[in-house]
Amino acid sequence: MKIIWTPAAAQDRADIWDYLHDLNPTAAVEMDNRFADAIVRLRDFPEIGPAGIISGTRELIPHQNYRVVYQLDSDAVWILALVHTSRQWPPTER
């Protein structure tokens, strides 16, 4: 199964990296490794995450502070968002 990062999810990951790297470069590397490991697990076991809050999605928690929101397709796992658990999810419309 292939993994496809949406532009929004890729930006989420980059933003997390930038934030953590400014505070602690080692922590940024460790967290990004956790994200990578979680994504590998999704490639091999795409149904590992329970049903998500948004209908048709699933969620995986690679670290107590982050959730990976994804959707399954016939031959791909679409990574939709990487969200800090303290943030409102799904986001509300303003």
Protein backbone atom coordinates (compact mmCIF):
# COMPACT_ATOMS: atom_id res chain seq x y z
CA MET A 1 0.00 0.00 0.00
CA LYS A 2 1.39 3.40 -0.88
CA ILE A 3 1.42 6.41 1.42
CA ILE A 4 0.30 9.80 0.08
CA TRP A 5 0.75 12.93 2.17
CA THR A 6 -1.69 15.71 1.37
CA PRO A 7 -0.07 19.15 1.15
CA ALA A 8 -1.83 20.16 4.38
CA ALA A 9 -0.50 17.13 6.27
CA ALA A 10 3.01 17.65 4.91
CA GLN A 11 2.81 21.26 6.12
CA ASP A 12 1.62 20.07 9.53
CA ARG A 13 4.69 17.84 9.78
CA ALA A 14 7.03 20.64 8.68
CA ASP A 15 5.46 23.05 11.18
CA ILE A 16 5.89 20.54 14.01
CA TRP A 17 9.50 19.99 12.98
CA ASP A 18 10.22 23.73 12.91
CA TYR A 19 8.59 24.32 16.29
CA LEU A 20 10.34 21.43 18.04
CA HIS A 21 13.68 22.05 16.34
CA ASP A 22 13.75 25.62 17.65
CA LEU A 23 13.21 24.30 21.19
CA ASN A 24 15.22 21.09 21.09
CA PRO A 25 16.76 19.67 17.88
CA THR A 26 17.09 16.18 19.38
CA ALA A 27 13.40 16.13 20.31
CA ALA A 28 12.50 17.18 16.76
CA VAL A 29 14.42 14.23 15.31
CA GLU A 30 12.90 11.79 17.82
CA MET A 31 9.36 12.99 17.14
CA ASP A 32 9.81 12.90 13.39
CA ASN A 33 11.13 9.33 13.74
CA ARG A 34 7.96 8.43 15.66
CA PHE A 35 5.86 9.87 12.85
CA ALA A 36 7.86 7.92 10.25
CA ASP A 37 7.52 4.67 12.23
CA ALA A 38 3.76 5.18 12.56
CA ILE A 39 3.43 5.75 8.83
CA VAL A 40 5.37 2.56 8.08
CA ARG A 41 2.94 0.68 10.34
CA LEU A 42 0.04 2.20 8.39
CA ARG A 43 1.57 1.07 5.12
CA ASP A 44 1.76 -2.49 6.43
CA PHE A 45 -1.43 -2.48 8.55
CA PRO A 46 -3.67 0.31 7.20
CA GLU A 47 -6.62 -0.52 9.45
CA ILE A 48 -4.57 -0.32 12.66
CA GLY A 49 -6.09 3.03 13.68
CA PRO A 50 -9.65 3.21 14.97
CA ALA A 51 -12.39 5.12 13.20
CA GLY A 52 -11.75 8.84 13.32
CA ILE A 53 -13.90 11.69 14.51
CA ILE A 54 -14.57 12.69 10.89
CA SER A 55 -16.63 10.08 9.04
CA GLY A 56 -14.54 7.97 6.66
CA THR A 57 -11.26 8.67 8.42
CA ARG A 58 -9.11 6.74 10.83
CA GLU A 59 -6.69 8.02 13.45
CA LEU A 60 -3.40 6.77 14.83
CA ILE A 61 -1.65 8.19 17.89
CA PRO A 62 2.14 7.91 17.34
CA HIS A 63 2.78 9.92 20.52
CA GLN A 64 0.45 10.98 23.31
CA ASN A 65 0.53 14.55 21.97
CA TYR A 66 -0.12 13.89 18.28
CA ARG A 67 -2.68 12.19 16.07
CA VAL A 68 -2.32 11.16 12.45
CA VAL A 69 -5.61 11.51 10.61
CA TYR A 70 -5.80 9.35 7.51
CA GLN A 71 -8.16 7.86 4.96
CA LEU A 72 -7.96 4.56 3.16
CA ASP A 73 -8.27 4.18 -0.57
CA SER A 74 -8.16 0.91 -2.51
CA ASP A 75 -4.38 1.08 -2.95
CA ALA A 76 -3.26 4.02 -0.79
CA VAL A 77 -3.25 5.53 2.66
CA TRP A 78 -3.90 9.28 2.43
CA ILE A 79 -2.38 11.21 5.31
CA LEU A 80 -4.80 14.10 5.83
CA ALA A 81 -3.49 15.82 8.96
CA LEU A 82 -0.96 15.60 11.76
CA VAL A 83 -2.55 17.34 14.73
CA HIS A 84 -1.44 18.14 18.27
CA THR A 85 -3.97 16.54 20.62
CA SER A 86 -4.52 19.83 22.46
CA ARG A 87 -5.88 21.42 19.28
CA GLN A 88 -9.52 21.41 18.29
CA TRP A 89 -10.13 18.51 15.92
CA PRO A 90 -11.81 18.67 13.59
CA PRO A 91 -11.19 22.37 13.20
CA THR A 92 -14.26 24.56 13.48
CA GLU A 93 -15.30 26.94 10.73
CA ARG A 94 -14.97 30.63 11.55
